[in-house]
Amino acid sequence: MMAISANCHRYSRFGWVSSLLCLSLWSGLSHAADRNATLYRPDGNWNVEGASGQLYVFGSLTESPCRIAMESVYQSVDMGNIETADLKKVGQTGRPVPFHIELLDCIETPTALRDIKTGSVAWSSEQPGVKMRFLAPSVPFYPQLARVVGVQGLGLQLSDEAGRVIPLGESSVPRLLSPGQDSLSFFITPVRIASELQAGAYRALISFELMYD
């Protein structure tokens, strides 16, 4: 089983979307004061018996073309069972396993996203666009593959719905989204990377980022 988690900071055409609630609390011993003594006093009078404290709250509010559906933020992808006999030589791949990222509340907004590899531009006057990037510890000598824990001789390859490989840390081909709701589909494929192949259960943790600019 492979866990997939979304990056807590998401880059959009409007900036990094992030928020943080920070609570800094201090309390002392209560000397049998009544319940009203613990209430906040707007006149600034903190000279009361009982517990007192402060809340320091901050964050940011930025605009983003879409939001990720809650069920897509953290996913578990079951890769199933692979027979070692199915991966006879280095470079041979197993069965691609799909996963999906659901996007909600996508707004109409102009887009011009460039593919850094081809130079082509995905353009629209009203459809939002997105590129994906996956981040994970990579396999030594195979930086495009995600490393697994638990077995040896195996790595994981990510690709889009057209079968184009997405190396770790590199952005995918830009895609225009339908306003309202849309879904992004990707695949994870096991790849044999060494002559020695040790059987067993394995796992990996992969983060993803959505880039709107």
C-alpha atoms as a PDB file:
ATOM      1  CA  MET A   1       0.000   0.000   0.000  1.00  0.00           C
ATOM      2  CA  MET A   2       1.328   3.416  -0.867  1.00  0.00           C
ATOM      3  CA  ALA A   3       0.281   6.552   0.940  1.00  0.00           C
ATOM      4  CA  ILE A   4      -0.037   9.796  -0.988  1.00  0.00           C
ATOM      5  CA  SER A   5      -0.229  13.121   0.829  1.00  0.00           C
ATOM      6  CA  ALA A   6      -0.862  16.632  -0.473  1.00  0.00           C
ATOM      7  CA  ASN A   7       1.629  19.368   0.166  1.00  0.00           C
ATOM      8  CA  CYS A   8       0.373  21.734   2.844  1.00  0.00           C
ATOM      9  CA  HIS A   9       1.480  24.749   0.825  1.00  0.00           C
ATOM     10  CA  ARG A  10      -0.088  24.976  -2.599  1.00  0.00           C
ATOM     11  CA  TYR A  11       1.221  27.385  -5.193  1.00  0.00           C
ATOM     12  CA  SER A  12      -1.335  29.215  -7.263  1.00  0.00           C
ATOM     13  CA  ARG A  13      -1.263  32.007  -9.801  1.00  0.00           C
ATOM     14  CA  PHE A  14      -2.141  34.240  -6.847  1.00  0.00           C
ATOM     15  CA  GLY A  15       0.640  33.024  -4.524  1.00  0.00           C
ATOM     16  CA  TRP A  16       1.269  30.333  -1.949  1.00  0.00           C
ATOM     17  CA  VAL A  17      -1.952  29.176  -0.327  1.00  0.00           C
ATOM     18  CA  SER A  18      -1.226  28.470   3.295  1.00  0.00           C
ATOM     19  CA  SER A  19      -2.639  29.158   6.704  1.00  0.00           C
ATOM     20  CA  LEU A  20      -1.576  28.639  10.265  1.00  0.00           C
ATOM     21  CA  LEU A  21      -3.306  28.955  13.612  1.00  0.00           C
ATOM     22  CA  CYS A  22      -0.878  29.522  16.429  1.00  0.00           C
ATOM     23  CA  LEU A  23      -2.055  29.385  20.039  1.00  0.00           C
ATOM     24  CA  SER A  24       0.185  30.649  22.813  1.00  0.00           C
ATOM     25  CA  LEU A  25      -1.433  29.938  26.164  1.00  0.00           C
ATOM     26  CA  TRP A  26      -0.298  30.688  29.724  1.00  0.00           C
ATOM     27  CA  SER A  27      -2.131  29.710  32.821  1.00  0.00           C
ATOM     28  CA  GLY A  28      -1.531  29.935  36.535  1.00  0.00           C
ATOM     29  CA  LEU A  29      -3.010  28.218  39.539  1.00  0.00           C
ATOM     30  CA  SER A  30      -6.589  29.034  40.433  1.00  0.00           C
ATOM     31  CA  HIS A  31      -7.284  30.102  43.997  1.00  0.00           C
ATOM     32  CA  ALA A  32     -10.969  29.166  44.059  1.00  0.00           C
ATOM     33  CA  ALA A  33     -11.905  32.274  42.039  1.00  0.00           C
ATOM     34  CA  ASP A  34     -15.307  32.388  40.484  1.00  0.00           C
ATOM     35  CA  ARG A  35     -15.803  31.514  36.805  1.00  0.00           C
ATOM     36  CA  ASN A  36     -16.054  35.181  35.714  1.00  0.00           C
ATOM     37  CA  ALA A  37     -12.459  35.815  36.747  1.00  0.00           C
ATOM     38  CA  THR A  38     -11.199  33.794  33.761  1.00  0.00           C
ATOM     39  CA  LEU A  39     -13.042  35.856  31.146  1.00  0.00           C
ATOM     40  CA  TYR A  40     -11.276  38.291  28.855  1.00  0.00           C
ATOM     41  CA  ARG A  41     -11.594  41.871  30.132  1.00  0.00           C
ATOM     42  CA  PRO A  42     -11.842  44.438  27.319  1.00  0.00           C
ATOM     43  CA  ASP A  43     -10.702  47.229  29.672  1.00  0.00           C
ATOM     44  CA  GLY A  44      -7.275  45.588  29.927  1.00  0.00           C
ATOM     45  CA  ASN A  45      -7.617  44.752  33.639  1.00  0.00           C
ATOM     46  CA  TRP A  46      -5.639  41.521  34.059  1.00  0.00           C
ATOM     47  CA  ASN A  47      -5.291  41.996  37.828  1.00  0.00           C
ATOM     48  CA  VAL A  48      -7.624  39.116  38.701  1.00  0.00           C
ATOM     49  CA  GLU A  49      -7.285  35.871  40.516  1.00  0.00           C
ATOM     50  CA  GLY A  50      -7.512  32.706  38.462  1.00  0.00           C
ATOM     51  CA  ALA A  51      -6.261  31.612  35.059  1.00  0.00           C
ATOM     52  CA  SER A  52      -5.557  33.953  32.193  1.00  0.00           C
ATOM     53  CA  GLY A  53      -4.068  33.574  28.763  1.00  0.00           C
ATOM     54  CA  GLN A  54      -3.602  34.991  25.302  1.00  0.00           C
ATOM     55  CA  LEU A  55      -4.348  33.827  21.802  1.00  0.00           C
ATOM     56  CA  TYR A  56      -2.023  34.844  18.984  1.00  0.00           C
ATOM     57  CA  VAL A  57      -3.796  34.031  15.742  1.00  0.00           C
ATOM     58  CA  PHE A  58      -2.510  34.703  12.256  1.00  0.00           C
ATOM     59  CA  GLY A  59      -2.908  33.390   8.725  1.00  0.00           C
ATOM     60  CA  SER A  60      -3.432  34.414   5.146  1.00  0.00           C
ATOM     61  CA  LEU A  61      -6.290  34.430   2.671  1.00  0.00           C
ATOM     62  CA  THR A  62      -5.374  34.093  -0.979  1.00  0.00           C
ATOM     63  CA  GLU A  63      -7.366  33.298  -4.070  1.00  0.00           C
ATOM     64  CA  SER A  64      -6.962  29.935  -5.788  1.00  0.00           C
ATOM     65  CA  PRO A  65      -8.703  28.759  -8.974  1.00  0.00           C
ATOM     66  CA  CYS A  66      -9.716  25.390  -7.447  1.00  0.00           C
ATOM     67  CA  ARG A  67      -9.747  23.523  -4.176  1.00  0.00           C
ATOM     68  CA  ILE A  68      -8.805  19.888  -3.651  1.00  0.00           C
ATOM     69  CA  ALA A  69     -11.606  17.581  -2.535  1.00  0.00           C
ATOM     70  CA  MET A  70     -10.999  16.366   1.012  1.00  0.00           C
ATOM     71  CA  GLU A  71     -10.890  12.707  -0.043  1.00  0.00           C
ATOM     72  CA  SER A  72      -8.070  13.519  -2.487  1.00  0.00           C
ATOM     73  CA  VAL A  73      -5.829  15.353  -0.028  1.00  0.00           C
ATOM     74  CA  TYR A  74      -4.688  12.145   1.687  1.00  0.00           C
ATOM     75  CA  GLN A  75      -4.971   8.891  -0.223  1.00  0.00           C
ATOM     76  CA  SER A  76      -3.840   5.294   0.104  1.00  0.00           C
ATOM     77  CA  VAL A  77      -3.076   3.530  -3.162  1.00  0.00           C
ATOM     78  CA  ASP A  78      -3.081  -0.272  -3.057  1.00  0.00           C
ATOM     79  CA  MET A  79      -0.509  -1.526  -5.552  1.00  0.00           C
ATOM     80  CA  GLY A  80      -1.685  -5.109  -5.128  1.00  0.00           C
ATOM     81  CA  ASN A  81       0.612  -8.114  -5.356  1.00  0.00           C
ATOM     82  CA  ILE A  82       3.442  -8.347  -7.878  1.00  0.00           C
ATOM     83  CA  GLU A  83       5.122 -11.665  -8.685  1.00  0.00           C
ATOM     84  CA  THR A  84       8.911 -11.452  -8.926  1.00  0.00           C
ATOM     85  CA  ALA A  85       8.574 -13.619 -12.044  1.00  0.00           C
ATOM     86  CA  ASP A  86       6.737 -10.729 -13.719  1.00  0.00           C
ATOM     87  CA  LEU A  87       9.807  -8.501 -13.362  1.00  0.00           C
ATOM     88  CA  LYS A  88      12.446 -10.687 -14.969  1.00  0.00           C
ATOM     89  CA  LYS A  89      15.003  -8.024 -15.830  1.00  0.00           C
ATOM     90  CA  VAL A  90      16.112  -4.546 -14.807  1.00  0.00           C
ATOM     91  CA  GLY A  91      13.870  -1.894 -16.328  1.00  0.00           C
ATOM     92  CA  GLN A  92      10.841  -4.144 -16.626  1.00  0.00           C
ATOM     93  CA  THR A  93       7.629  -2.626 -15.292  1.00  0.00           C
ATOM     94  CA  GLY A  94       4.587  -4.003 -13.526  1.00  0.00           C
ATOM     95  CA  ARG A  95       0.937  -3.063 -13.882  1.00  0.00           C
ATOM     96  CA  PRO A  96       0.189   0.693 -13.698  1.00  0.00           C
ATOM     97  CA  VAL A  97      -2.206   1.516 -10.850  1.00  0.00           C
ATOM     98  CA  PRO A  98      -4.412   4.607 -11.257  1.00  0.00           C
ATOM     99  CA  PHE A  99      -5.232   7.279  -8.705  1.00  0.00           C
ATOM    100  CA  HIS A 100      -7.260  10.455  -9.023  1.00  0.00           C
ATOM    101  CA  ILE A 101      -7.224  13.993  -7.643  1.00  0.00           C
ATOM    102  CA  GLU A 102     -10.644  15.619  -7.535  1.00  0.00           C
ATOM    103  CA  LEU A 103     -10.852  19.406  -7.873  1.00  0.00           C
ATOM    104  CA  LEU A 104     -13.882  21.416  -6.775  1.00  0.00           C
ATOM    105  CA  ASP A 105     -15.182  24.976  -7.120  1.00  0.00           C
ATOM    106  CA  CYS A 106     -12.890  25.824 -10.042  1.00  0.00           C
ATOM    107  CA  ILE A 107     -13.527  29.399 -11.093  1.00  0.00           C
ATOM    108  CA  GLU A 108     -13.439  30.855 -14.582  1.00  0.00           C
ATOM    109  CA  THR A 109     -10.123  32.632 -15.013  1.00  0.00           C
ATOM    110  CA  PRO A 110      -7.712  33.275 -17.901  1.00  0.00           C
ATOM    111  CA  THR A 111      -4.759  30.908 -18.155  1.00  0.00           C
ATOM    112  CA  ALA A 112      -1.461  30.802 -20.005  1.00  0.00           C
ATOM    113  CA  LEU A 113       0.646  27.884 -18.744  1.00  0.00           C
ATOM    114  CA  ARG A 114       3.910  27.029 -20.494  1.00  0.00           C
ATOM    115  CA  ASP A 115       5.295  23.533 -20.847  1.00  0.00           C
ATOM    116  CA  ILE A 116       8.939  23.975 -19.841  1.00  0.00           C
ATOM    117  CA  LYS A 117      10.029  21.000 -21.977  1.00  0.00           C
ATOM    118  CA  THR A 118       8.341  21.840 -25.273  1.00  0.00           C
ATOM    119  CA  GLY A 119       7.720  25.569 -24.902  1.00  0.00           C
ATOM    120  CA  SER A 120       4.076  25.139 -25.891  1.00  0.00           C
ATOM    121  CA  VAL A 121       1.455  27.143 -24.002  1.00  0.00           C
ATOM    122  CA  ALA A 122      -1.914  25.960 -22.709  1.00  0.00           C
ATOM    123  CA  TRP A 123      -4.067  29.067 -23.105  1.00  0.00           C
ATOM    124  CA  SER A 124      -7.682  29.898 -22.334  1.00  0.00           C
ATOM    125  CA  SER A 125      -9.619  33.076 -21.671  1.00  0.00           C
ATOM    126  CA  GLU A 126     -11.906  31.417 -19.108  1.00  0.00           C
ATOM    127  CA  GLN A 127     -10.620  27.959 -18.130  1.00  0.00           C
ATOM    128  CA  PRO A 128      -8.164  27.579 -15.247  1.00  0.00           C
ATOM    129  CA  GLY A 129      -5.057  25.529 -15.932  1.00  0.00           C
ATOM    130  CA  VAL A 130      -2.825  23.417 -13.723  1.00  0.00           C
ATOM    131  CA  LYS A 131       0.493  21.589 -13.662  1.00  0.00           C
ATOM    132  CA  MET A 132       1.333  18.844 -11.172  1.00  0.00           C
ATOM    133  CA  ARG A 133       4.598  18.123  -9.406  1.00  0.00           C
ATOM    134  CA  PHE A 134       5.359  15.045  -7.292  1.00  0.00           C
ATOM    135  CA  LEU A 135       7.934  15.020  -4.516  1.00  0.00           C
ATOM    136  CA  ALA A 136       9.425  11.985  -2.757  1.00  0.00           C
ATOM    137  CA  PRO A 137      12.781  10.445  -1.802  1.00  0.00           C
ATOM    138  CA  SER A 138      14.234   9.127  -5.050  1.00  0.00           C
ATOM    139  CA  VAL A 139      16.032   5.911  -5.953  1.00  0.00           C
ATOM    140  CA  PRO A 140      19.848   6.249  -6.106  1.00  0.00           C
ATOM    141  CA  PHE A 141      20.929   6.519  -9.766  1.00  0.00           C
ATOM    142  CA  TYR A 142      17.233   6.704 -10.766  1.00  0.00           C
ATOM    143  CA  PRO A 143      16.228  10.225  -9.684  1.00  0.00           C
ATOM    144  CA  GLN A 144      12.968  10.071 -11.625  1.00  0.00           C
ATOM    145  CA  LEU A 145      11.671   7.152  -9.522  1.00  0.00           C
ATOM    146  CA  ALA A 146      10.230   7.198  -6.007  1.00  0.00           C
ATOM    147  CA  ARG A 147      12.004   5.048  -3.445  1.00  0.00           C
ATOM    148  CA  VAL A 148      10.127   2.341  -1.549  1.00  0.00           C
ATOM    149  CA  VAL A 149      10.728   1.013   1.959  1.00  0.00           C
ATOM    150  CA  GLY A 150      10.550  -2.711   2.742  1.00  0.00           C
ATOM    151  CA  VAL A 151      11.966  -4.346  -0.387  1.00  0.00           C
ATOM    152  CA  GLN A 152      15.018  -3.992  -2.603  1.00  0.00           C
ATOM    153  CA  GLY A 153      15.304  -3.615  -6.353  1.00  0.00           C
ATOM    154  CA  LEU A 154      12.021  -1.776  -6.873  1.00  0.00           C
ATOM    155  CA  GLY A 155      11.109   1.849  -7.618  1.00  0.00           C
ATOM    156  CA  LEU A 156       7.881   3.657  -8.472  1.00  0.00           C
ATOM    157  CA  GLN A 157       7.258   5.643 -11.641  1.00  0.00           C
ATOM    158  CA  LEU A 158       4.581   8.341 -11.952  1.00  0.00           C
ATOM    159  CA  SER A 159       2.816   9.133 -15.210  1.00  0.00           C
ATOM    160  CA  ASP A 160      -0.186  11.085 -16.448  1.00  0.00           C
ATOM    161  CA  GLU A 161      -3.333   9.719 -18.065  1.00  0.00           C
ATOM    162  CA  ALA A 162      -1.657   9.803 -21.494  1.00  0.00           C
ATOM    163  CA  GLY A 163       1.195   7.614 -20.228  1.00  0.00           C
ATOM    164  CA  ARG A 164       3.766  10.429 -20.147  1.00  0.00           C
ATOM    165  CA  VAL A 165       6.296   9.846 -17.366  1.00  0.00           C
ATOM    166  CA  ILE A 166       6.482  12.603 -14.724  1.00  0.00           C
ATOM    167  CA  PRO A 167       9.942  12.579 -13.113  1.00  0.00           C
ATOM    168  CA  LEU A 168      10.057  13.501  -9.439  1.00  0.00           C
ATOM    169  CA  GLY A 169      10.416  17.235  -8.867  1.00  0.00           C
ATOM    170  CA  GLU A 170       9.439  18.138 -12.446  1.00  0.00           C
ATOM    171  CA  SER A 171       6.132  19.635 -13.517  1.00  0.00           C
ATOM    172  CA  SER A 172       3.665  17.737 -15.650  1.00  0.00           C
ATOM    173  CA  VAL A 173       2.285  18.858 -18.989  1.00  0.00           C
ATOM    174  CA  PRO A 174      -0.143  21.784 -18.417  1.00  0.00           C
ATOM    175  CA  ARG A 175      -3.802  20.910 -18.494  1.00  0.00           C
ATOM    176  CA  LEU A 176      -6.883  23.102 -18.797  1.00  0.00           C
ATOM    177  CA  LEU A 177      -9.622  22.449 -16.253  1.00  0.00           C
ATOM    178  CA  SER A 178     -13.376  22.610 -16.568  1.00  0.00           C
ATOM    179  CA  PRO A 179     -14.918  25.373 -14.440  1.00  0.00           C
ATOM    180  CA  GLY A 180     -16.746  23.929 -11.473  1.00  0.00           C
ATOM    181  CA  GLN A 181     -15.513  20.373 -10.969  1.00  0.00           C
ATOM    182  CA  ASP A 182     -12.773  18.343 -12.643  1.00  0.00           C
ATOM    183  CA  SER A 183     -10.613  15.300 -12.010  1.00  0.00           C
ATOM    184  CA  LEU A 184      -6.918  14.639 -12.645  1.00  0.00           C
ATOM    185  CA  SER A 185      -5.844  11.041 -13.290  1.00  0.00           C
ATOM    186  CA  PHE A 186      -2.358   9.626 -12.818  1.00  0.00           C
ATOM    187  CA  PHE A 187      -0.668   6.236 -12.623  1.00  0.00           C
ATOM    188  CA  ILE A 188       1.933   4.627 -10.379  1.00  0.00           C
ATOM    189  CA  THR A 189       3.993   1.854 -11.967  1.00  0.00           C
ATOM    190  CA  PRO A 190       6.474  -0.462 -10.194  1.00  0.00           C
ATOM    191  CA  VAL A 191       9.828  -0.686 -11.976  1.00  0.00           C
ATOM    192  CA  ARG A 192      12.624  -3.189 -11.400  1.00  0.00           C
ATOM    193  CA  ILE A 193      15.835  -1.231 -10.829  1.00  0.00           C
ATOM    194  CA  ALA A 194      18.406  -3.842  -9.733  1.00  0.00           C
ATOM    195  CA  SER A 195      19.514  -7.392 -10.465  1.00  0.00           C
ATOM    196  CA  GLU A 196      18.760  -8.347  -6.860  1.00  0.00           C
ATOM    197  CA  LEU A 197      15.038  -8.329  -6.173  1.00  0.00           C
ATOM    198  CA  GLN A 198      13.989  -8.909  -2.570  1.00  0.00           C
ATOM    199  CA  ALA A 199      10.349  -9.872  -2.032  1.00  0.00           C
ATOM    200  CA  GLY A 200       8.183  -8.458   0.747  1.00  0.00           C
ATOM    201  CA  ALA A 201       5.681  -5.741   1.600  1.00  0.00           C
ATOM    202  CA  TYR A 202       6.648  -2.203   0.645  1.00  0.00           C
ATOM    203  CA  ARG A 203       5.429   1.348   1.121  1.00  0.00           C
ATOM    204  CA  ALA A 204       6.269   4.868  -0.030  1.00  0.00           C
ATOM    205  CA  LEU A 205       5.180   8.408   0.732  1.00  0.00           C
ATOM    206  CA  ILE A 206       4.694  10.817  -2.165  1.00  0.00           C
ATOM    207  CA  SER A 207       3.588  14.449  -1.939  1.00  0.00           C
ATOM    208  CA  PHE A 208       2.038  16.442  -4.751  1.00  0.00           C
ATOM    209  CA  GLU A 209       1.727  20.115  -5.598  1.00  0.00           C
ATOM    210  CA  LEU A 210      -0.694  21.885  -7.906  1.00  0.00           C
ATOM    211  CA  MET A 211       0.789  24.834  -9.776  1.00  0.00           C
ATOM    212  CA  TYR A 212      -1.513  27.313 -11.446  1.00  0.00           C
ATOM    213  CA  ASP A 213       1.180  29.638 -12.812  1.00  0.00           C
END
